[in-house]
């Protein structure tokens, strides 16, 4: 049995992608993530994954990272690196201990393979509960826009900004592919 050390609880990440010479389907990638979840990460209450357009990220405890790495190599994925996780978003770094829990919970919802309707209902509950808990932090905003509207206005602002970000990302990708 492997002895634990103080670094075992550190979160590491693996970046992986489909092998261009032996391409696989999204279904194969998803089945691989689900298999990793069941066989390697089932006892890790911090692990999570992300889809990032051309690659995927799995983050988990250091004590499990080598097993995830070996699995991905065995399944012919391109594995770019494994390293200690340092997020590029300042807000995530500042509250990493909370985001780890949130990302894990989001991953647990994903592996339930929810329907579109269920996804919308879960999103509603997550968004509403988060904003509801911010009630006292947004007193001046509520006074300005009204107690009945502030949550919807914040969600509309988020939606607009996400759409603008996605449009810019899409345009940049088209320009990069044109060269």
Protein backbone atom coordinates (compact mmCIF):
# COMPACT_ATOMS: atom_id res chain seq x y z
CA UNK A 1 0.00 0.00 0.00
CA UNK A 2 1.29 3.45 -0.92
CA UNK A 3 2.13 5.72 1.99
CA UNK A 4 0.35 9.06 2.00
CA UNK A 5 2.25 12.30 2.24
CA UNK A 6 1.14 15.86 2.79
CA UNK A 7 1.00 16.56 -0.96
CA UNK A 8 -1.55 13.80 -1.68
CA UNK A 9 -4.45 16.24 -1.26
CA UNK A 10 -3.03 18.79 -3.70
CA UNK A 11 -5.04 19.11 -6.89
CA UNK A 12 -3.25 18.32 -10.13
CA UNK A 13 -4.53 18.53 -13.66
CA UNK A 14 -4.08 16.54 -16.82
CA UNK A 15 -4.70 18.11 -20.21
CA UNK A 16 -5.61 15.59 -22.88
CA UNK A 17 -7.03 15.53 -26.37
CA UNK A 18 -8.07 13.16 -29.10
CA UNK A 19 -5.22 11.57 -31.04
CA UNK A 20 -5.24 13.06 -34.55
CA UNK A 21 -3.83 9.86 -36.08
CA UNK A 22 -6.39 7.64 -34.32
CA UNK A 23 -9.37 9.94 -33.91
CA UNK A 24 -12.16 8.89 -31.59
CA UNK A 25 -15.72 10.00 -31.08
CA UNK A 26 -17.08 12.29 -28.38
CA UNK A 27 -18.93 9.21 -27.12
CA UNK A 28 -15.59 7.44 -26.60
CA UNK A 29 -14.18 10.43 -24.70
CA UNK A 30 -17.30 10.58 -22.51
CA UNK A 31 -17.22 6.82 -21.86
CA UNK A 32 -13.55 7.16 -20.88
CA UNK A 33 -14.32 9.99 -18.44
CA UNK A 34 -17.16 7.96 -16.92
CA UNK A 35 -14.90 4.92 -16.60
CA UNK A 36 -12.19 7.00 -14.90
CA UNK A 37 -14.86 8.36 -12.55
CA UNK A 38 -16.02 4.85 -11.61
CA UNK A 39 -12.70 3.03 -11.43
CA UNK A 40 -10.10 5.59 -10.34
CA UNK A 41 -11.78 8.69 -8.93
CA UNK A 42 -14.84 7.29 -7.16
CA UNK A 43 -13.46 8.12 -3.70
CA UNK A 44 -12.05 11.56 -4.64
CA UNK A 45 -14.45 14.27 -3.46
CA UNK A 46 -12.53 16.97 -5.31
CA UNK A 47 -12.09 15.64 -8.83
CA UNK A 48 -13.68 17.42 -11.77
CA UNK A 49 -13.38 17.75 -15.52
CA UNK A 50 -13.87 20.37 -18.19
CA UNK A 51 -14.37 20.34 -21.94
CA UNK A 52 -12.36 23.14 -23.54
CA UNK A 53 -13.20 22.98 -27.26
CA UNK A 54 -10.08 21.17 -28.54
CA UNK A 55 -8.97 19.48 -25.31
CA UNK A 56 -10.17 18.20 -21.97
CA UNK A 57 -9.03 18.73 -18.40
CA UNK A 58 -9.27 16.32 -15.51
CA UNK A 59 -8.25 17.57 -12.07
CA UNK A 60 -7.85 15.29 -9.10
CA UNK A 61 -5.73 14.61 -6.04
CA UNK A 62 -2.03 14.05 -6.63
CA UNK A 63 -2.31 10.52 -5.24
CA UNK A 64 -4.57 9.57 -8.21
CA UNK A 65 -3.02 11.54 -11.06
CA UNK A 66 -0.66 8.80 -12.24
CA UNK A 67 -3.51 6.27 -12.53
CA UNK A 68 -5.55 8.74 -14.58
CA UNK A 69 -2.49 9.47 -16.74
CA UNK A 70 -1.87 5.75 -17.41
CA UNK A 71 -5.51 5.17 -18.27
CA UNK A 72 -5.54 8.02 -20.81
CA UNK A 73 -2.29 6.83 -22.43
CA UNK A 74 -3.66 3.27 -22.62
CA UNK A 75 -6.76 4.62 -24.42
CA UNK A 76 -4.55 6.45 -26.98
CA UNK A 77 -5.30 10.00 -25.94
CA UNK A 78 -2.71 12.71 -26.40
CA UNK A 79 -1.73 13.66 -22.88
CA UNK A 80 -0.02 17.01 -22.89
CA UNK A 81 0.98 17.37 -19.27
CA UNK A 82 0.19 16.81 -15.67
CA UNK A 83 0.92 19.58 -13.25
CA UNK A 84 -0.27 21.24 -10.10
CA UNK A 85 -3.44 23.15 -10.85
CA UNK A 86 -3.14 26.90 -10.99
CA UNK A 87 -6.22 28.54 -12.46
CA UNK A 88 -5.96 31.38 -14.96
CA UNK A 89 -9.04 33.08 -13.50
CA UNK A 90 -8.12 35.35 -10.59
CA UNK A 91 -11.47 34.82 -8.85
CA UNK A 92 -11.00 31.04 -8.93
CA UNK A 93 -7.51 31.30 -7.45
CA UNK A 94 -8.76 33.61 -4.70
CA UNK A 95 -11.57 31.23 -3.68
CA UNK A 96 -10.06 27.96 -4.92
CA UNK A 97 -11.12 25.99 -1.84
CA UNK A 98 -14.76 26.86 -2.65
CA UNK A 99 -14.47 26.43 -6.41
CA UNK A 100 -13.04 22.93 -5.93
CA UNK A 101 -16.28 21.95 -4.22
CA UNK A 102 -18.41 23.70 -6.84
CA UNK A 103 -16.52 22.18 -9.79
CA UNK A 104 -16.81 18.72 -8.20
CA UNK A 105 -20.55 19.15 -7.68
CA UNK A 106 -20.98 20.31 -11.29
CA UNK A 107 -19.06 17.23 -12.44
CA UNK A 108 -21.25 14.99 -10.31
CA UNK A 109 -24.32 16.49 -11.99
CA UNK A 110 -22.73 15.92 -15.41
CA UNK A 111 -22.08 12.23 -14.81
CA UNK A 112 -25.75 11.79 -13.94
CA UNK A 113 -26.31 12.37 -17.68
CA UNK A 114 -29.21 14.76 -17.15
CA UNK A 115 -31.76 15.60 -19.82
CA UNK A 116 -31.95 19.15 -21.21
CA UNK A 117 -34.96 19.81 -19.00
CA UNK A 118 -33.12 18.55 -15.91
CA UNK A 119 -30.05 20.62 -16.81
CA UNK A 120 -32.23 23.74 -16.99
CA UNK A 121 -33.85 22.97 -13.64
CA UNK A 122 -30.51 22.30 -11.94
CA UNK A 123 -29.07 25.48 -13.46
CA UNK A 124 -32.07 27.43 -12.17
CA UNK A 125 -31.59 26.06 -8.65
CA UNK A 126 -27.83 26.70 -8.65
CA UNK A 127 -28.17 30.23 -10.05
CA UNK A 128 -31.10 31.21 -7.87
CA UNK A 129 -29.54 29.84 -4.67
CA UNK A 130 -26.22 31.56 -5.36
CA UNK A 131 -27.90 34.90 -6.06
CA UNK A 132 -30.36 34.49 -3.20
CA UNK A 133 -27.41 34.11 -0.82
CA UNK A 134 -25.98 37.37 -2.17
CA UNK A 135 -29.09 39.32 -1.11
CA UNK A 136 -27.35 41.37 1.59
CA UNK A 137 -24.26 41.96 -0.58
CA UNK A 138 -26.30 43.69 -3.29
CA UNK A 139 -28.41 46.06 -1.18
CA UNK A 140 -27.56 49.17 -3.20
CA UNK A 141 -28.13 47.35 -6.50
CA UNK A 142 -31.51 46.06 -5.27
CA UNK A 143 -32.48 49.57 -4.24
CA UNK A 144 -31.57 50.85 -7.70
CA UNK A 145 -33.35 48.17 -9.79
CA UNK A 146 -35.97 46.85 -7.37
CA UNK A 147 -36.25 43.84 -5.11
CA UNK A 148 -38.33 41.96 -7.65
CA UNK A 149 -35.93 42.43 -10.57
CA UNK A 150 -32.35 42.36 -9.35
CA UNK A 151 -31.79 38.61 -9.78
CA UNK A 152 -33.21 38.57 -13.32
CA UNK A 153 -31.15 41.64 -14.27
CA UNK A 154 -27.94 39.99 -13.07
CA UNK A 155 -28.80 36.82 -15.00
CA UNK A 156 -29.57 38.84 -18.16
CA UNK A 157 -26.27 40.70 -17.75
CA UNK A 158 -24.47 37.38 -17.37
CA UNK A 159 -26.25 35.97 -20.45
CA UNK A 160 -25.37 38.99 -22.57
CA UNK A 161 -21.71 38.94 -21.49
CA UNK A 162 -21.46 35.17 -22.13
CA UNK A 163 -22.94 35.63 -25.60
CA UNK A 164 -20.44 38.41 -26.38
CA UNK A 165 -17.54 36.29 -25.11
CA UNK A 166 -18.67 33.31 -27.21
CA UNK A 167 -19.07 35.49 -30.32
CA UNK A 168 -15.57 36.90 -29.90
CA UNK A 169 -14.13 33.43 -29.28
CA UNK A 170 -15.88 32.06 -32.36
CA UNK A 171 -14.65 34.92 -34.52
CA UNK A 172 -11.07 34.50 -33.30
CA UNK A 173 -11.22 30.77 -34.02
CA UNK A 174 -12.53 31.39 -37.56
CA UNK A 175 -9.73 33.87 -38.21
CA UNK A 176 -7.10 31.48 -36.86
CA UNK A 177 -8.41 28.64 -39.05
CA UNK A 178 -8.43 30.89 -42.13
CA UNK A 179 -4.65 31.36 -41.94
